[in-house]
């Protein structure tokens, strides 16, 4: 399994639930310590109740892996012979108290960026360290977008059943906004949910060491596109930003919010 991976994603894809299972798996089956980092402690508390506790209660197996009278609070759970820590990124002391093997950095762009290096050092002593960085992108060249640019840049690639063209899905190339349907960019025949589901991850730079995954909502088989199509017609800057970031998993800066080349050069001087 890869030691590092970057996931640049849209919302409502179930990635946080997947990463929780990833952390629980390594704590339970490999006797490791997993550290799951959220932007804020309150988010960690909510996640502990809504996701961690719920996942354990819904699984007789996991419930049976909790040792009797073991430590179990919102920020720390024992699973088998391993441990799952949940922490907010705003407290360096909370992060420094954990020596981990597995690190998950969720909602990367809204983490306290100053404390990320401290969190990453918590796995430096592990024999088999693993780290997952994941989040909705915000500004171009920042946070998860910058990290993804340095990876092998995998995209979900779909084969058209009519002409055989392989393509990764984009709003401009594959969506009829008026009809809210998905089509091949080359022959314009419909791309069915089965075709989307049968796709595969294809790396743009396969020789790079770190895997990166771009996950817009368009890759969900059978997705109702009406909401995305409606959002694509937005004109207000904040609405366009939300659509680009959270629907398409693309970094975006509104024109009036961008710094000019002259301003950047002046700041450098």
Protein backbone atom coordinates (compact mmCIF):
# COMPACT_ATOMS: atom_id res chain seq x y z
CA UNK A 1 0.00 0.00 0.00
CA UNK A 2 1.30 3.46 -0.91
CA UNK A 3 2.99 5.40 1.86
CA UNK A 4 1.59 8.72 0.55
CA UNK A 5 -1.50 9.76 -1.37
CA UNK A 6 -3.23 13.06 -2.15
CA UNK A 7 -6.96 13.31 -2.86
CA UNK A 8 -8.32 16.52 -4.43
CA UNK A 9 -12.06 16.06 -4.16
CA UNK A 10 -15.48 17.61 -4.36
CA UNK A 11 -18.03 17.28 -1.58
CA UNK A 12 -20.47 14.43 -0.88
CA UNK A 13 -18.32 11.58 -2.14
CA UNK A 14 -17.97 9.65 1.12
CA UNK A 15 -14.20 10.11 1.26
CA UNK A 16 -14.14 10.96 4.98
CA UNK A 17 -16.05 7.75 5.73
CA UNK A 18 -13.54 5.82 3.59
CA UNK A 19 -10.59 7.39 5.40
CA UNK A 20 -12.11 6.55 8.78
CA UNK A 21 -12.29 2.90 7.74
CA UNK A 22 -8.73 3.16 6.48
CA UNK A 23 -7.59 4.41 9.90
CA UNK A 24 -9.67 1.84 11.82
CA UNK A 25 -8.33 -0.98 9.65
CA UNK A 26 -4.70 -0.18 10.38
CA UNK A 27 -5.34 0.29 14.09
CA UNK A 28 -7.25 -2.98 14.35
CA UNK A 29 -5.44 -5.39 12.03
CA UNK A 30 -1.89 -4.04 12.17
CA UNK A 31 -1.73 -2.90 15.79
CA UNK A 32 -0.82 0.59 14.65
CA UNK A 33 -1.62 4.06 15.91
CA UNK A 34 -3.68 6.21 13.57
CA UNK A 35 -3.95 10.00 13.87
CA UNK A 36 -6.91 11.67 12.15
CA UNK A 37 -6.58 15.47 12.00
CA UNK A 38 -9.46 17.91 11.46
CA UNK A 39 -9.37 21.69 11.05
CA UNK A 40 -11.01 22.36 14.43
CA UNK A 41 -11.52 20.44 17.66
CA UNK A 42 -15.29 20.95 17.45
CA UNK A 43 -15.34 19.28 14.03
CA UNK A 44 -13.42 16.41 15.57
CA UNK A 45 -16.05 16.08 18.33
CA UNK A 46 -18.88 16.05 15.78
CA UNK A 47 -17.05 13.48 13.64
CA UNK A 48 -16.41 11.29 16.69
CA UNK A 49 -20.13 11.14 17.48
CA UNK A 50 -21.59 11.05 13.96
CA UNK A 51 -19.01 8.83 12.25
CA UNK A 52 -16.61 7.00 14.60
CA UNK A 53 -19.12 6.04 17.29
CA UNK A 54 -21.78 5.24 14.68
CA UNK A 55 -19.41 3.02 12.68
CA UNK A 56 -18.45 1.04 15.77
CA UNK A 57 -22.04 0.63 16.97
CA UNK A 58 -23.18 -0.50 13.50
CA UNK A 59 -20.51 -3.21 13.28
CA UNK A 60 -20.63 -6.21 15.63
CA UNK A 61 -17.06 -6.95 14.57
CA UNK A 62 -15.73 -3.51 15.53
CA UNK A 63 -17.77 -3.47 18.72
CA UNK A 64 -16.13 -6.76 19.64
CA UNK A 65 -12.68 -5.27 19.02
CA UNK A 66 -13.08 -2.69 21.78
CA UNK A 67 -11.33 -4.11 24.88
CA UNK A 68 -13.44 -4.07 28.08
CA UNK A 69 -12.89 -0.95 30.18
CA UNK A 70 -10.50 0.47 27.58
CA UNK A 71 -9.95 4.17 27.10
CA UNK A 72 -12.62 5.49 24.79
CA UNK A 73 -13.45 9.17 24.45
CA UNK A 74 -14.09 11.53 21.56
CA UNK A 75 -10.40 12.01 20.85
CA UNK A 76 -9.05 8.54 21.58
CA UNK A 77 -10.32 5.03 20.95
CA UNK A 78 -8.64 1.67 21.34
CA UNK A 79 -9.39 -0.77 18.52
CA UNK A 80 -8.00 -4.24 19.10
CA UNK A 81 -4.34 -3.68 20.00
CA UNK A 82 -4.16 -0.40 18.10
CA UNK A 83 -5.29 3.17 18.70
CA UNK A 84 -7.21 5.85 16.87
CA UNK A 85 -6.55 9.45 17.84
CA UNK A 86 -8.69 12.32 16.55
CA UNK A 87 -7.32 15.84 16.88
CA UNK A 88 -8.00 19.40 15.78
CA UNK A 89 -5.23 21.17 13.90
CA UNK A 90 -5.39 24.38 15.96
CA UNK A 91 -3.51 22.89 18.95
CA UNK A 92 0.15 22.04 18.43
CA UNK A 93 0.26 20.46 21.90
CA UNK A 94 -2.55 18.02 20.99
CA UNK A 95 -0.62 16.95 17.89
CA UNK A 96 2.74 16.67 19.64
CA UNK A 97 1.31 14.21 22.18
CA UNK A 98 0.77 11.45 19.59
CA UNK A 99 3.34 9.13 18.00
CA UNK A 100 1.56 7.62 15.01
CA UNK A 101 2.03 5.19 12.14
CA UNK A 102 -0.91 6.40 10.02
CA UNK A 103 -1.80 10.06 9.50
CA UNK A 104 -4.95 11.42 7.84
CA UNK A 105 -5.12 15.17 7.15
CA UNK A 106 -8.76 15.93 6.30
CA UNK A 107 -10.06 19.18 4.76
CA UNK A 108 -6.46 20.10 4.09
CA UNK A 109 -6.91 23.70 2.97
CA UNK A 110 -8.75 24.69 6.16
CA UNK A 111 -6.26 23.06 8.53
CA UNK A 112 -4.00 25.34 10.53
CA UNK A 113 -1.21 25.37 7.97
CA UNK A 114 1.44 26.30 10.56
CA UNK A 115 0.79 23.07 12.47
CA UNK A 116 0.78 20.65 9.53
CA UNK A 117 4.57 20.04 9.72
CA UNK A 118 4.16 19.14 13.41
CA UNK A 119 1.42 16.64 12.53
CA UNK A 120 3.54 15.09 9.78
CA UNK A 121 6.50 14.64 12.13
CA UNK A 122 4.34 12.41 14.34
CA UNK A 123 4.84 9.51 11.88
CA UNK A 124 8.58 10.02 11.38
CA UNK A 125 9.44 7.32 13.93
CA UNK A 126 7.23 4.64 12.39
CA UNK A 127 8.76 1.73 10.50
CA UNK A 128 5.93 1.84 7.96
CA UNK A 129 4.55 5.41 7.95
CA UNK A 130 1.49 6.21 5.87
CA UNK A 131 -0.08 9.59 5.18
CA UNK A 132 -3.25 10.64 3.37
CA UNK A 133 -3.82 14.30 2.51
CA UNK A 134 -7.35 15.06 1.36
CA UNK A 135 -9.56 18.07 0.82
CA UNK A 136 -11.72 20.29 -1.34
CA UNK A 137 -9.43 22.67 -3.28
CA UNK A 138 -9.60 26.40 -2.73
CA UNK A 139 -7.08 28.71 -4.44
CA UNK A 140 -4.90 27.70 -7.40
CA UNK A 141 -1.39 26.73 -6.35
CA UNK A 142 -2.32 26.46 -2.68
CA UNK A 143 -2.89 23.59 -0.27
CA UNK A 144 -4.36 20.43 -1.77
CA UNK A 145 -4.19 21.85 -5.30
CA UNK A 146 -0.44 22.45 -4.98
CA UNK A 147 0.11 18.99 -3.50
CA UNK A 148 -1.87 17.33 -6.28
CA UNK A 149 0.23 19.07 -8.94
CA UNK A 150 3.29 17.29 -7.54
CA UNK A 151 1.73 13.80 -7.73
CA UNK A 152 1.19 11.39 -10.63
CA UNK A 153 -2.19 13.15 -11.17
CA UNK A 154 -4.65 10.31 -11.59
CA UNK A 155 -8.06 10.97 -13.14
CA UNK A 156 -11.04 8.64 -13.52
CA UNK A 157 -10.99 7.72 -17.21
CA UNK A 158 -14.11 6.43 -18.96
CA UNK A 159 -14.31 4.51 -22.24
CA UNK A 160 -17.13 5.49 -24.63
CA UNK A 161 -19.19 2.45 -25.62
CA UNK A 162 -19.84 3.88 -29.07
CA UNK A 163 -16.51 5.14 -30.40
CA UNK A 164 -14.09 3.71 -27.83
CA UNK A 165 -12.63 7.09 -26.86
CA UNK A 166 -11.06 7.14 -23.39
CA UNK A 167 -11.61 10.39 -21.52
CA UNK A 168 -11.68 11.92 -18.07
CA UNK A 169 -14.90 13.75 -17.39
CA UNK A 170 -15.22 17.54 -17.42
CA UNK A 171 -18.20 19.86 -17.35
CA UNK A 172 -17.26 21.62 -20.57
CA UNK A 173 -16.36 18.51 -22.54
CA UNK A 174 -18.90 15.96 -21.34
CA UNK A 175 -22.04 17.64 -19.97
CA UNK A 176 -25.00 18.99 -21.90
CA UNK A 177 -25.92 21.70 -19.41
CA UNK A 178 -29.41 22.28 -20.83
CA UNK A 179 -30.35 18.61 -20.92
CA UNK A 180 -28.35 17.70 -17.79
CA UNK A 181 -26.90 14.62 -19.51
CA UNK A 182 -23.45 13.10 -19.89
CA UNK A 183 -21.95 12.40 -23.32
CA UNK A 184 -18.70 11.47 -25.04
CA UNK A 185 -16.71 14.55 -25.95
CA UNK A 186 -15.77 13.02 -29.30
CA UNK A 187 -18.92 11.39 -30.74
CA UNK A 188 -21.52 12.95 -28.42
CA UNK A 189 -23.17 9.59 -27.71
CA UNK A 190 -24.44 9.12 -24.16
CA UNK A 191 -22.08 7.89 -21.45
CA UNK A 192 -24.13 5.50 -19.34
CA UNK A 193 -23.74 4.90 -15.58
CA UNK A 194 -22.30 1.50 -16.44
CA UNK A 195 -19.60 3.10 -18.60
CA UNK A 196 -18.73 5.57 -15.85
CA UNK A 197 -18.63 2.83 -13.23
CA UNK A 198 -16.33 0.71 -15.41
CA UNK A 199 -13.73 3.47 -15.68
CA UNK A 200 -10.21 3.31 -14.30
CA UNK A 201 -7.64 5.60 -12.73
CA UNK A 202 -5.07 6.77 -15.28
CA UNK A 203 -1.98 8.72 -14.19
CA UNK A 204 -0.75 11.68 -16.20
CA UNK A 205 2.76 11.27 -14.77
CA UNK A 206 3.09 7.55 -13.91
CA UNK A 207 6.79 7.85 -13.00
CA UNK A 208 6.11 10.08 -9.99
CA UNK A 209 6.28 8.45 -6.56
CA UNK A 210 3.21 9.98 -4.88
CA UNK A 211 -0.26 9.01 -6.04
CA UNK A 212 -2.79 11.78 -6.53
CA UNK A 213 -6.50 11.43 -7.22
CA UNK A 214 -8.77 14.09 -8.72
CA UNK A 215 -12.36 13.34 -7.72
CA UNK A 216 -15.08 15.67 -9.07
CA UNK A 217 -18.71 14.70 -8.52
CA UNK A 218 -19.00 13.90 -12.24
CA UNK A 219 -17.32 10.53 -11.69
CA UNK A 220 -20.25 9.22 -9.61
CA UNK A 221 -22.17 6.70 -11.81
CA UNK A 222 -25.77 7.78 -12.38
CA UNK A 223 -25.35 11.15 -10.71
CA UNK A 224 -28.30 13.53 -11.11
CA UNK A 225 -26.60 16.36 -12.97
CA UNK A 226 -29.36 18.95 -12.61
CA UNK A 227 -27.88 20.57 -9.52
CA UNK A 228 -24.41 20.86 -11.04
CA UNK A 229 -25.83 22.20 -14.32
CA UNK A 230 -27.85 24.83 -12.48
CA UNK A 231 -24.82 25.84 -10.42
CA UNK A 232 -22.73 26.15 -13.60
CA UNK A 233 -24.90 29.09 -14.67
CA UNK A 234 -24.12 31.12 -11.53
CA UNK A 235 -22.63 34.58 -12.04
CA UNK A 236 -22.00 35.86 -8.52
CA UNK A 237 -18.33 35.35 -7.60
CA UNK A 238 -18.96 33.39 -4.40
CA UNK A 239 -21.43 31.09 -6.17
CA UNK A 240 -18.98 30.40 -8.99
CA UNK A 241 -16.26 29.66 -6.44
CA UNK A 242 -18.46 27.17 -4.57
CA UNK A 243 -19.36 25.44 -7.85
CA UNK A 244 -15.76 25.17 -9.01
CA UNK A 245 -14.42 23.99 -5.65
CA UNK A 246 -17.19 21.75 -4.34
CA UNK A 247 -18.82 20.38 -7.49
CA UNK A 248 -15.87 20.12 -9.88
CA UNK A 249 -12.99 19.81 -7.36
CA UNK A 250 -11.13 22.58 -9.15
CA UNK A 251 -9.10 25.34 -7.54
CA UNK A 252 -10.50 28.74 -8.41
CA UNK A 253 -9.94 32.42 -7.71
CA UNK A 254 -12.52 35.01 -8.77
CA UNK A 255 -11.09 37.62 -11.13
CA UNK A 256 -11.56 40.49 -8.69
CA UNK A 257 -9.88 38.50 -5.94
CA UNK A 258 -6.68 37.74 -7.85
CA UNK A 259 -3.43 39.56 -7.33
CA UNK A 260 -1.94 41.11 -10.43
CA UNK A 261 1.53 40.23 -11.66
CA UNK A 262 2.58 43.77 -10.74
CA UNK A 263 1.35 43.36 -7.16
CA UNK A 264 3.13 40.03 -6.80
CA UNK A 265 6.34 41.49 -8.19
CA UNK A 266 6.06 44.43 -5.81
CA UNK A 267 5.56 42.11 -2.85
CA UNK A 268 8.62 40.10 -3.89
CA UNK A 269 10.73 43.24 -4.03
